[in-house]
Amino acid sequence: TSSGASGVTRPAVLVLDNFGSRKLTSMEAQDLCEILDARTGEKSTVFTTQLPLPHWSEVLGDPVISDAIRDRLDHVAMKFEIKGESYRAVLARQLGKRAASEDRS
C-alpha cells in the first residue's frame, strides 16, 4: 500500500466511522482501494455511514477506483441498515428528561 496506509492493514478489525462525510482526495481513494485489497477475505473492515452505497462514487471521485471499491464490497459485505430516529436524538431527549426531573427534585 501507499505510505501511511500500511498500518491499517494489520488490525483484525478496522472501523471506518462516518464514511462519506467528506469527499476523499484521489490519493485517499487509492489508499482505501489498496487497504480493501489487502484486507478482503483476510480481516474484517466495518464502515459506518449515512451514505447509501450507490452514492459512494460522489465521495470517492475517480470512477474506476469507485467501481473497484464498490465491487469488492458488493461481493463480500454484510450490510446492516438501521432505520429509525437518530440514536443521538433519542439519547439527548432522555438526558433532557433526566435533567428536568432532577431539577424538580
PDB file of N, CA and C in Angstrom:
ATOM      1  N   THR A   1       0.836  -1.198   0.000  1.00  0.00           N
ATOM      2  CA  THR A   1       0.000   0.000   0.000  1.00  0.00           C
ATOM      3  C   THR A   1       0.870   1.247   0.000  1.00  0.00           C
ATOM      4  N   SER A   2       0.271   2.373  -0.265  1.00  0.00           N
ATOM      5  CA  SER A   2       0.986   3.638  -0.268  1.00  0.00           C
ATOM      6  C   SER A   2       1.460   3.962   1.137  1.00  0.00           C
ATOM      7  N   SER A   3       2.412   4.877   1.230  1.00  0.00           N
ATOM      8  CA  SER A   3       2.902   5.258   2.548  1.00  0.00           C
ATOM      9  C   SER A   3       1.751   5.739   3.407  1.00  0.00           C
ATOM     10  N   GLY A   4       1.735   5.332   4.657  1.00  0.00           N
ATOM     11  CA  GLY A   4       0.674   5.728   5.568  1.00  0.00           C
ATOM     12  C   GLY A   4      -0.498   4.776   5.601  1.00  0.00           C
ATOM     13  N   ALA A   5      -0.688   3.997   4.565  1.00  0.00           N
ATOM     14  CA  ALA A   5      -1.829   3.084   4.516  1.00  0.00           C
ATOM     15  C   ALA A   5      -1.479   1.710   5.057  1.00  0.00           C
ATOM     16  N   SER A   6      -0.207   1.369   5.122  1.00  0.00           N
ATOM     17  CA  SER A   6       0.173   0.011   5.520  1.00  0.00           C
ATOM     18  C   SER A   6      -0.207  -0.321   6.960  1.00  0.00           C
ATOM     19  N   GLY A   7      -0.210   0.649   7.861  1.00  0.00           N
ATOM     20  CA  GLY A   7      -0.542   0.390   9.256  1.00  0.00           C
ATOM     21  C   GLY A   7      -1.976  -0.043   9.474  1.00  0.00           C
ATOM     22  N   VAL A   8      -2.883   0.326   8.596  1.00  0.00           N
ATOM     23  CA  VAL A   8      -4.286  -0.022   8.778  1.00  0.00           C
ATOM     24  C   VAL A   8      -4.647  -1.367   8.157  1.00  0.00           C
ATOM     25  N   THR A   9      -3.683  -2.031   7.572  1.00  0.00           N
ATOM     26  CA  THR A   9      -3.964  -3.369   7.043  1.00  0.00           C
ATOM     27  C   THR A   9      -3.743  -4.432   8.106  1.00  0.00           C
ATOM     28  N   ARG A  10      -3.115  -4.093   9.214  1.00  0.00           N
ATOM     29  CA  ARG A  10      -2.772  -5.070  10.252  1.00  0.00           C
ATOM     30  C   ARG A  10      -3.879  -5.431  11.236  1.00  0.00           C
ATOM     31  N   PRO A  11      -4.705  -4.492  11.719  1.00  0.00           N
ATOM     32  CA  PRO A  11      -5.686  -4.844  12.757  1.00  0.00           C
ATOM     33  C   PRO A  11      -6.663  -5.923  12.302  1.00  0.00           C
ATOM     34  N   ALA A  12      -7.094  -6.755  13.252  1.00  0.00           N
ATOM     35  CA  ALA A  12      -8.074  -7.804  12.940  1.00  0.00           C
ATOM     36  C   ALA A  12      -9.394  -7.185  12.493  1.00  0.00           C
ATOM     37  N   VAL A  13      -9.759  -6.052  13.096  1.00  0.00           N
ATOM     38  CA  VAL A  13     -10.980  -5.335  12.714  1.00  0.00           C
ATOM     39  C   VAL A  13     -10.620  -3.861  12.529  1.00  0.00           C
ATOM     40  N   LEU A  14     -10.979  -3.327  11.387  1.00  0.00           N
ATOM     41  CA  LEU A  14     -10.763  -1.912  11.091  1.00  0.00           C
ATOM     42  C   LEU A  14     -12.130  -1.255  10.954  1.00  0.00           C
ATOM     43  N   VAL A  15     -12.372  -0.189  11.717  1.00  0.00           N
ATOM     44  CA  VAL A  15     -13.652   0.519  11.663  1.00  0.00           C
ATOM     45  C   VAL A  15     -13.423   1.889  11.029  1.00  0.00           C
ATOM     46  N   LEU A  16     -14.128   2.125   9.935  1.00  0.00           N
ATOM     47  CA  LEU A  16     -14.104   3.424   9.268  1.00  0.00           C
ATOM     48  C   LEU A  16     -15.436   4.093   9.589  1.00  0.00           C
ATOM     49  N   ASP A  17     -15.414   4.966  10.579  1.00  0.00           N
ATOM     50  CA  ASP A  17     -16.632   5.571  11.111  1.00  0.00           C
ATOM     51  C   ASP A  17     -17.014   6.819  10.321  1.00  0.00           C
ATOM     52  N   ASN A  18     -18.305   6.969  10.076  1.00  0.00           N
ATOM     53  CA  ASN A  18     -18.865   8.140   9.408  1.00  0.00           C
ATOM     54  C   ASN A  18     -18.293   8.323   8.005  1.00  0.00           C
ATOM     55  N   PHE A  19     -18.111   7.198   7.304  1.00  0.00           N
ATOM     56  CA  PHE A  19     -17.570   7.246   5.948  1.00  0.00           C
ATOM     57  C   PHE A  19     -18.492   8.068   5.054  1.00  0.00           C
ATOM     58  N   GLY A  20     -17.896   8.887   4.214  1.00  0.00           N
ATOM     59  CA  GLY A  20     -18.668   9.696   3.282  1.00  0.00           C
ATOM     60  C   GLY A  20     -19.018  11.070   3.795  1.00  0.00           C
ATOM     61  N   SER A  21     -18.502  11.428   4.957  1.00  0.00           N
ATOM     62  CA  SER A  21     -18.812  12.753   5.497  1.00  0.00           C
ATOM     63  C   SER A  21     -18.069  13.854   4.744  1.00  0.00           C
ATOM     64  N   ARG A  22     -17.060  13.472   3.968  1.00  0.00           N
ATOM     65  CA  ARG A  22     -16.354  14.425   3.104  1.00  0.00           C
ATOM     66  C   ARG A  22     -15.812  13.679   1.892  1.00  0.00           C
ATOM     67  N   LYS A  23     -15.549  14.411   0.840  1.00  0.00           N
ATOM     68  CA  LYS A  23     -15.007  13.819  -0.378  1.00  0.00           C
ATOM     69  C   LYS A  23     -13.540  13.458  -0.148  1.00  0.00           C
ATOM     70  N   LEU A  24     -13.141  12.272  -0.603  1.00  0.00           N
ATOM     71  CA  LEU A  24     -11.754  11.839  -0.476  1.00  0.00           C
ATOM     72  C   LEU A  24     -10.915  12.421  -1.607  1.00  0.00           C
ATOM     73  N   THR A  25      -9.648  12.668  -1.314  1.00  0.00           N
ATOM     74  CA  THR A  25      -8.726  13.037  -2.385  1.00  0.00           C
ATOM     75  C   THR A  25      -8.471  11.791  -3.225  1.00  0.00           C
ATOM     76  N   SER A  26      -7.905  11.963  -4.398  1.00  0.00           N
ATOM     77  CA  SER A  26      -7.647  10.795  -5.236  1.00  0.00           C
ATOM     78  C   SER A  26      -6.643   9.861  -4.562  1.00  0.00           C
ATOM     79  N   MET A  27      -5.682  10.390  -3.820  1.00  0.00           N
ATOM     80  CA  MET A  27      -4.711   9.554  -3.097  1.00  0.00           C
ATOM     81  C   MET A  27      -5.409   8.779  -1.981  1.00  0.00           C
ATOM     82  N   GLU A  28      -6.318   9.425  -1.256  1.00  0.00           N
ATOM     83  CA  GLU A  28      -7.056   8.737  -0.191  1.00  0.00           C
ATOM     84  C   GLU A  28      -7.927   7.620  -0.756  1.00  0.00           C
ATOM     85  N   ALA A  29      -8.568   7.876  -1.897  1.00  0.00           N
ATOM     86  CA  ALA A  29      -9.400   6.842  -2.525  1.00  0.00           C
ATOM     87  C   ALA A  29      -8.540   5.668  -2.982  1.00  0.00           C
ATOM     88  N   GLN A  30      -7.376   5.964  -3.552  1.00  0.00           N
ATOM     89  CA  GLN A  30      -6.453   4.902  -3.973  1.00  0.00           C
ATOM     90  C   GLN A  30      -5.978   4.107  -2.759  1.00  0.00           C
ATOM     91  N   ASP A  31      -5.632   4.796  -1.678  1.00  0.00           N
ATOM     92  CA  ASP A  31      -5.212   4.111  -0.447  1.00  0.00           C
ATOM     93  C   ASP A  31      -6.319   3.201   0.072  1.00  0.00           C
ATOM     94  N   LEU A  32      -7.555   3.699   0.076  1.00  0.00           N
ATOM     95  CA  LEU A  32      -8.681   2.890   0.543  1.00  0.00           C
ATOM     96  C   LEU A  32      -8.828   1.637  -0.308  1.00  0.00           C
ATOM     97  N   CYS A  33      -8.696   1.780  -1.608  1.00  0.00           N
ATOM     98  CA  CYS A  33      -8.792   0.624  -2.508  1.00  0.00           C
ATOM     99  C   CYS A  33      -7.701  -0.401  -2.183  1.00  0.00           C
ATOM    100  N   GLU A  34      -6.483   0.067  -1.962  1.00  0.00           N
ATOM    101  CA  GLU A  34      -5.370  -0.824  -1.629  1.00  0.00           C
ATOM    102  C   GLU A  34      -5.581  -1.491  -0.270  1.00  0.00           C
ATOM    103  N   ILE A  35      -6.101  -0.735   0.682  1.00  0.00           N
ATOM    104  CA  ILE A  35      -6.382  -1.296   2.011  1.00  0.00           C
ATOM    105  C   ILE A  35      -7.415  -2.408   1.893  1.00  0.00           C
ATOM    106  N   LEU A  36      -8.485  -2.148   1.151  1.00  0.00           N
ATOM    107  CA  LEU A  36      -9.518  -3.175   0.973  1.00  0.00           C
ATOM    108  C   LEU A  36      -8.970  -4.386   0.231  1.00  0.00           C
ATOM    109  N   ASP A  37      -8.106  -4.157  -0.762  1.00  0.00           N
ATOM    110  CA  ASP A  37      -7.465  -5.277  -1.464  1.00  0.00           C
ATOM    111  C   ASP A  37      -6.704  -6.161  -0.481  1.00  0.00           C
ATOM    112  N   ALA A  38      -5.956  -5.520   0.411  1.00  0.00           N
ATOM    113  CA  ALA A  38      -5.129  -6.267   1.362  1.00  0.00           C
ATOM    114  C   ALA A  38      -5.969  -6.981   2.416  1.00  0.00           C
ATOM    115  N   ARG A  39      -7.113  -6.438   2.769  1.00  0.00           N
ATOM    116  CA  ARG A  39      -7.917  -6.976   3.862  1.00  0.00           C
ATOM    117  C   ARG A  39      -9.010  -7.941   3.413  1.00  0.00           C
ATOM    118  N   THR A  40      -9.507  -7.800   2.184  1.00  0.00           N
ATOM    119  CA  THR A  40     -10.638  -8.600   1.717  1.00  0.00           C
ATOM    120  C   THR A  40     -10.336 -10.087   1.809  1.00  0.00           C
ATOM    121  N   GLY A  41     -11.226 -10.790   2.489  1.00  0.00           N
ATOM    122  CA  GLY A  41     -11.072 -12.231   2.666  1.00  0.00           C
ATOM    123  C   GLY A  41     -10.124 -12.616   3.780  1.00  0.00           C
ATOM    124  N   GLU A  42      -9.467 -11.629   4.386  1.00  0.00           N
ATOM    125  CA  GLU A  42      -8.479 -11.892   5.436  1.00  0.00           C
ATOM    126  C   GLU A  42      -8.899 -11.329   6.789  1.00  0.00           C
ATOM    127  N   LYS A  43      -9.333 -10.080   6.786  1.00  0.00           N
ATOM    128  CA  LYS A  43      -9.649  -9.385   8.032  1.00  0.00           C
ATOM    129  C   LYS A  43     -10.931  -8.584   7.858  1.00  0.00           C
ATOM    130  N   SER A  44     -11.555  -8.249   8.969  1.00  0.00           N
ATOM    131  CA  SER A  44     -12.840  -7.537   8.934  1.00  0.00           C
ATOM    132  C   SER A  44     -12.642  -6.030   8.825  1.00  0.00           C
ATOM    133  N   THR A  45     -13.473  -5.424   7.998  1.00  0.00           N
ATOM    134  CA  THR A  45     -13.496  -3.972   7.852  1.00  0.00           C
ATOM    135  C   THR A  45     -14.946  -3.528   7.993  1.00  0.00           C
ATOM    136  N   VAL A  46     -15.181  -2.572   8.875  1.00  0.00           N
ATOM    137  CA  VAL A  46     -16.529  -2.081   9.146  1.00  0.00           C
ATOM    138  C   VAL A  46     -16.611  -0.622   8.704  1.00  0.00           C
ATOM    139  N   PHE A  47     -17.616  -0.323   7.904  1.00  0.00           N
ATOM    140  CA  PHE A  47     -17.911   1.055   7.521  1.00  0.00           C
ATOM    141  C   PHE A  47     -19.185   1.463   8.242  1.00  0.00           C
ATOM    142  N   THR A  48     -19.184   2.619   8.889  1.00  0.00           N
ATOM    143  CA  THR A  48     -20.441   3.216   9.335  1.00  0.00           C
ATOM    144  C   THR A  48     -20.638   4.439   8.456  1.00  0.00           C
ATOM    145  N   THR A  49     -21.845   4.610   7.955  1.00  0.00           N
ATOM    146  CA  THR A  49     -22.102   5.708   7.034  1.00  0.00           C
ATOM    147  C   THR A  49     -23.588   6.004   6.958  1.00  0.00           C
ATOM    148  N   GLN A  50     -23.895   7.208   6.591  1.00  0.00           N
ATOM    149  CA  GLN A  50     -25.273   7.574   6.287  1.00  0.00           C
ATOM    150  C   GLN A  50     -25.461   7.650   4.774  1.00  0.00           C
ATOM    151  N   LEU A  51     -24.392   7.373   4.037  1.00  0.00           N
ATOM    152  CA  LEU A  51     -24.394   7.486   2.583  1.00  0.00           C
ATOM    153  C   LEU A  51     -24.663   6.125   1.951  1.00  0.00           C
ATOM    154  N   PRO A  52     -25.765   5.981   1.209  1.00  0.00           N
ATOM    155  CA  PRO A  52     -26.052   4.698   0.558  1.00  0.00           C
ATOM    156  C   PRO A  52     -24.948   4.329  -0.438  1.00  0.00           C
ATOM    157  N   LEU A  53     -24.656   3.050  -0.558  1.00  0.00           N
ATOM    158  CA  LEU A  53     -23.581   2.569  -1.421  1.00  0.00           C
ATOM    159  C   LEU A  53     -23.640   3.139  -2.842  1.00  0.00           C
ATOM    160  N   PRO A  54     -24.811   3.250  -3.469  1.00  0.00           N
ATOM    161  CA  PRO A  54     -24.832   3.813  -4.827  1.00  0.00           C
ATOM    162  C   PRO A  54     -24.307   5.252  -4.916  1.00  0.00           C
ATOM    163  N   HIS A  55     -24.236   5.960  -3.791  1.00  0.00           N
ATOM    164  CA  HIS A  55     -23.760   7.347  -3.786  1.00  0.00           C
ATOM    165  C   HIS A  55     -22.290   7.470  -3.386  1.00  0.00           C
ATOM    166  N   TRP A  56     -21.623   6.348  -3.124  1.00  0.00           N
ATOM    167  CA  TRP A  56     -20.227   6.420  -2.708  1.00  0.00           C
ATOM    168  C   TRP A  56     -19.343   7.043  -3.778  1.00  0.00           C
ATOM    169  N   SER A  57     -19.712   6.900  -5.045  1.00  0.00           N
ATOM    170  CA  SER A  57     -18.894   7.479  -6.116  1.00  0.00           C
ATOM    171  C   SER A  57     -18.772   8.994  -5.950  1.00  0.00           C
ATOM    172  N   GLU A  58     -19.746   9.610  -5.298  1.00  0.00           N
ATOM    173  CA  GLU A  58     -19.704  11.055  -5.071  1.00  0.00           C
ATOM    174  C   GLU A  58     -18.561  11.452  -4.145  1.00  0.00           C
ATOM    175  N   VAL A  59     -18.202  10.598  -3.204  1.00  0.00           N
ATOM    176  CA  VAL A  59     -17.114  10.934  -2.277  1.00  0.00           C
ATOM    177  C   VAL A  59     -15.795  10.276  -2.673  1.00  0.00           C
ATOM    178  N   LEU A  60     -15.862   9.235  -3.501  1.00  0.00           N
ATOM    179  CA  LEU A  60     -14.635   8.558  -3.918  1.00  0.00           C
ATOM    180  C   LEU A  60     -13.996   9.217  -5.135  1.00  0.00           C
ATOM    181  N   GLY A  61     -14.777   9.971  -5.893  1.00  0.00           N
ATOM    182  CA  GLY A  61     -14.222  10.703  -7.023  1.00  0.00           C
ATOM    183  C   GLY A  61     -13.973   9.836  -8.240  1.00  0.00           C
ATOM    184  N   ASP A  62     -12.763   9.356  -8.406  1.00  0.00           N
ATOM    185  CA  ASP A  62     -12.348   8.580  -9.580  1.00  0.00           C
ATOM    186  C   ASP A  62     -13.302   7.415  -9.825  1.00  0.00           C
ATOM    187  N   PRO A  63     -13.976   7.384 -10.986  1.00  0.00           N
ATOM    188  CA  PRO A  63     -14.967   6.330 -11.238  1.00  0.00           C
ATOM    189  C   PRO A  63     -14.377   4.922 -11.275  1.00  0.00           C
ATOM    190  N   VAL A  64     -13.134   4.784 -11.719  1.00  0.00           N
ATOM    191  CA  VAL A  64     -12.505   3.457 -11.765  1.00  0.00           C
ATOM    192  C   VAL A  64     -12.263   2.947 -10.350  1.00  0.00           C
ATOM    193  N   ILE A  65     -11.719   3.802  -9.487  1.00  0.00           N
ATOM    194  CA  ILE A  65     -11.477   3.414  -8.093  1.00  0.00           C
ATOM    195  C   ILE A  65     -12.803   3.182  -7.385  1.00  0.00           C
ATOM    196  N   SER A  66     -13.763   4.048  -7.623  1.00  0.00           N
ATOM    197  CA  SER A  66     -15.085   3.895  -7.012  1.00  0.00           C
ATOM    198  C   SER A  66     -15.707   2.552  -7.385  1.00  0.00           C
ATOM    199  N   ASP A  67     -15.663   2.201  -8.660  1.00  0.00           N
ATOM    200  CA  ASP A  67     -16.213   0.913  -9.103  1.00  0.00           C
ATOM    201  C   ASP A  67     -15.475  -0.258  -8.468  1.00  0.00           C
ATOM    202  N   ALA A  68     -14.148  -0.148  -8.353  1.00  0.00           N
ATOM    203  CA  ALA A  68     -13.354  -1.226  -7.755  1.00  0.00           C
ATOM    204  C   ALA A  68     -13.727  -1.425  -6.287  1.00  0.00           C
ATOM    205  N   ILE A  69     -13.865  -0.335  -5.553  1.00  0.00           N
ATOM    206  CA  ILE A  69     -14.223  -0.422  -4.133  1.00  0.00           C
ATOM    207  C   ILE A  69     -15.636  -0.970  -3.976  1.00  0.00           C
ATOM    208  N   ARG A  70     -16.570  -0.437  -4.728  1.00  0.00           N
ATOM    209  CA  ARG A  70     -17.959  -0.907  -4.632  1.00  0.00           C
ATOM    210  C   ARG A  70     -18.069  -2.372  -5.028  1.00  0.00           C
ATOM    211  N   ASP A  71     -17.315  -2.794  -6.031  1.00  0.00           N
ATOM    212  CA  ASP A  71     -17.342  -4.192  -6.457  1.00  0.00           C
ATOM    213  C   ASP A  71     -16.868  -5.110  -5.331  1.00  0.00           C
ATOM    214  N   ARG A  72     -15.779  -4.736  -4.665  1.00  0.00           N
ATOM    215  CA  ARG A  72     -15.271  -5.557  -3.555  1.00  0.00           C
ATOM    216  C   ARG A  72     -16.317  -5.666  -2.447  1.00  0.00           C
ATOM    217  N   LEU A  73     -16.947  -4.552  -2.128  1.00  0.00           N
ATOM    218  CA  LEU A  73     -17.929  -4.551  -1.045  1.00  0.00           C
ATOM    219  C   LEU A  73     -19.213  -5.272  -1.437  1.00  0.00           C
ATOM    220  N   ASP A  74     -19.640  -5.107  -2.669  1.00  0.00           N
ATOM    221  CA  ASP A  74     -20.873  -5.772  -3.124  1.00  0.00           C
ATOM    222  C   ASP A  74     -20.779  -7.287  -3.018  1.00  0.00           C
ATOM    223  N   HIS A  75     -19.595  -7.841  -3.227  1.00  0.00           N
ATOM    224  CA  HIS A  75     -19.454  -9.297  -3.274  1.00  0.00           C
ATOM    225  C   HIS A  75     -19.169  -9.949  -1.926  1.00  0.00           C
ATOM    226  N   VAL A  76     -18.643  -9.209  -0.977  1.00  0.00           N
ATOM    227  CA  VAL A  76     -18.273  -9.850   0.293  1.00  0.00           C
ATOM    228  C   VAL A  76     -18.894  -9.201   1.524  1.00  0.00           C
ATOM    229  N   ALA A  77     -19.524  -8.057   1.346  1.00  0.00           N
ATOM    230  CA  ALA A  77     -20.003  -7.304   2.508  1.00  0.00           C
ATOM    231  C   ALA A  77     -21.301  -7.859   3.068  1.00  0.00           C
ATOM    232  N   MET A  78     -21.423  -7.742   4.370  1.00  0.00           N
ATOM    233  CA  MET A  78     -22.692  -7.967   5.061  1.00  0.00           C
ATOM    234  C   MET A  78     -23.221  -6.568   5.370  1.00  0.00           C
ATOM    235  N   LYS A  79     -24.399  -6.264   4.876  1.00  0.00           N
ATOM    236  CA  LYS A  79     -24.943  -4.916   5.036  1.00  0.00           C
ATOM    237  C   LYS A  79     -26.040  -4.918   6.095  1.00  0.00           C
ATOM    238  N   PHE A  80     -25.960  -3.951   6.986  1.00  0.00           N
ATOM    239  CA  PHE A  80     -26.967  -3.762   8.022  1.00  0.00           C
ATOM    240  C   PHE A  80     -27.478  -2.339   7.903  1.00  0.00           C
ATOM    241  N   GLU A  81     -28.766  -2.196   7.724  1.00  0.00           N
ATOM    242  CA  GLU A  81     -29.357  -0.865   7.646  1.00  0.00           C
ATOM    243  C   GLU A  81     -30.199  -0.651   8.891  1.00  0.00           C
ATOM    244  N   ILE A  82     -29.894   0.407   9.592  1.00  0.00           N
ATOM    245  CA  ILE A  82     -30.626   0.736  10.809  1.00  0.00           C
ATOM    246  C   ILE A  82     -31.574   1.876  10.480  1.00  0.00           C
ATOM    247  N   LYS A  83     -32.852   1.606  10.614  1.00  0.00           N
ATOM    248  CA  LYS A  83     -33.858   2.625  10.313  1.00  0.00           C
ATOM    249  C   LYS A  83     -34.406   3.175  11.619  1.00  0.00           C
ATOM    250  N   GLY A  84     -34.857   4.387  11.560  1.00  0.00           N
ATOM    251  CA  GLY A  84     -35.449   4.986  12.739  1.00  0.00           C
ATOM    252  C   GLY A  84     -34.769   6.281  13.099  1.00  0.00           C
ATOM    253  N   GLU A  85     -35.146   6.769  14.246  1.00  0.00           N
ATOM    254  CA  GLU A  85     -34.645   8.045  14.728  1.00  0.00           C
ATOM    255  C   GLU A  85     -33.166   7.938  15.084  1.00  0.00           C
ATOM    256  N   SER A  86     -32.475   9.027  14.928  1.00  0.00           N
ATOM    257  CA  SER A  86     -31.065   9.100  15.280  1.00  0.00           C
ATOM    258  C   SER A  86     -30.871   8.733  16.752  1.00  0.00           C
ATOM    259  N   TYR A  87     -29.893   7.886  17.018  1.00  0.00           N
ATOM    260  CA  TYR A  87     -29.600   7.494  18.395  1.00  0.00           C
ATOM    261  C   TYR A  87     -29.202   8.714  19.219  1.00  0.00           C
ATOM    262  N   ARG A  88     -28.489   9.649  18.611  1.00  0.00           N
ATOM    263  CA  ARG A  88     -28.084  10.855  19.341  1.00  0.00           C
ATOM    264  C   ARG A  88     -29.301  11.671  19.778  1.00  0.00           C
ATOM    265  N   ALA A  89     -30.316  11.736  18.918  1.00  0.00           N
ATOM    266  CA  ALA A  89     -31.539  12.471  19.265  1.00  0.00           C
ATOM    267  C   ALA A  89     -32.265  11.792  20.418  1.00  0.00           C
ATOM    268  N   VAL A  90     -32.349  10.465  20.372  1.00  0.00           N
ATOM    269  CA  VAL A  90     -33.002   9.710  21.452  1.00  0.00           C
ATOM    270  C   VAL A  90     -32.254   9.924  22.757  1.00  0.00           C
ATOM    271  N   LEU A  91     -30.942   9.818  22.721  1.00  0.00           N
ATOM    272  CA  LEU A  91     -30.123   9.988  23.916  1.00  0.00           C
ATOM    273  C   LEU A  91     -30.257  11.405  24.471  1.00  0.00           C
ATOM    274  N   ALA A  92     -30.233  12.403  23.598  1.00  0.00           N
ATOM    275  CA  ALA A  92     -30.377  13.792  24.049  1.00  0.00           C
ATOM    276  C   ALA A  92     -31.728  14.006  24.718  1.00  0.00           C
ATOM    277  N   ARG A  93     -32.773  13.421  24.149  1.00  0.00           N
ATOM    278  CA  ARG A  93     -34.109  13.553  24.737  1.00  0.00           C
ATOM    279  C   ARG A  93     -34.138  12.890  26.114  1.00  0.00           C
ATOM    280  N   GLN A  94     -33.545  11.704  26.239  1.00  0.00           N
ATOM    281  CA  GLN A  94     -33.521  11.006  27.527  1.00  0.00           C
ATOM    282  C   GLN A  94     -32.730  11.799  28.556  1.00  0.00           C
ATOM    283  N   LEU A  95     -31.604  12.351  28.142  1.00  0.00           N
ATOM    284  CA  LEU A  95     -30.801  13.152  29.068  1.00  0.00           C
ATOM    285  C   LEU A  95     -31.552  14.415  29.481  1.00  0.00           C
ATOM    286  N   GLY A  96     -32.289  15.008  28.537  1.00  0.00           N
ATOM    287  CA  GLY A  96     -33.096  16.191  28.846  1.00  0.00           C
ATOM    288  C   GLY A  96     -34.184  15.885  29.851  1.00  0.00           C
ATOM    289  N   LYS A  97     -34.853  14.739  29.705  1.00  0.00           N
ATOM    290  CA  LYS A  97     -35.898  14.333  30.655  1.00  0.00           C
ATOM    291  C   LYS A  97     -35.296  14.091  32.029  1.00  0.00           C
ATOM    292  N   ARG A  98     -34.141  13.452  32.053  1.00  0.00           N
ATOM    293  CA  ARG A  98     -33.486  13.151  33.325  1.00  0.00           C
ATOM    294  C   ARG A  98     -33.097  14.448  34.032  1.00  0.00           C
ATOM    295  N   ALA A  99     -32.553  15.403  33.281  1.00  0.00           N
ATOM    296  CA  ALA A  99     -32.154  16.683  33.874  1.00  0.00           C
ATOM    297  C   ALA A  99     -33.375  17.439  34.387  1.00  0.00           C
ATOM    298  N   ALA A 100     -34.472  17.399  33.639  1.00  0.00           N
ATOM    299  CA  ALA A 100     -35.700  18.087  34.059  1.00  0.00           C
ATOM    300  C   ALA A 100     -36.254  17.475  35.333  1.00  0.00           C
ATOM    301  N   SER A 101     -36.227  16.150  35.457  1.00  0.00           N
ATOM    302  CA  SER A 101     -36.756  15.510  36.670  1.00  0.00           C
ATOM    303  C   SER A 101     -35.851  15.790  37.863  1.00  0.00           C
ATOM    304  N   GLU A 102     -34.544  15.935  37.637  1.00  0.00           N
ATOM    305  CA  GLU A 102     -33.634  16.266  38.735  1.00  0.00           C
ATOM    306  C   GLU A 102     -33.858  17.701  39.197  1.00  0.00           C
ATOM    307  N   ASP A 103     -34.195  18.591  38.254  1.00  0.00           N
ATOM    308  CA  ASP A 103     -34.462  19.991  38.606  1.00  0.00           C
ATOM    309  C   ASP A 103     -35.704  20.109  39.482  1.00  0.00           C
ATOM    310  N   ARG A 104     -36.679  19.228  39.258  1.00  0.00           N
ATOM    311  CA  ARG A 104     -37.919  19.260  40.042  1.00  0.00           C
ATOM    312  C   ARG A 104     -37.714  18.703  41.448  1.00  0.00           C
ATOM    313  N   SER A 105     -36.679  17.918  41.641  1.00  0.00           N
ATOM    314  CA  SER A 105     -36.451  17.282  42.955  1.00  0.00           C
ATOM    315  C   SER A 105     -35.947  18.255  43.982  1.00  0.00           C
TER     316      SER A 105
END
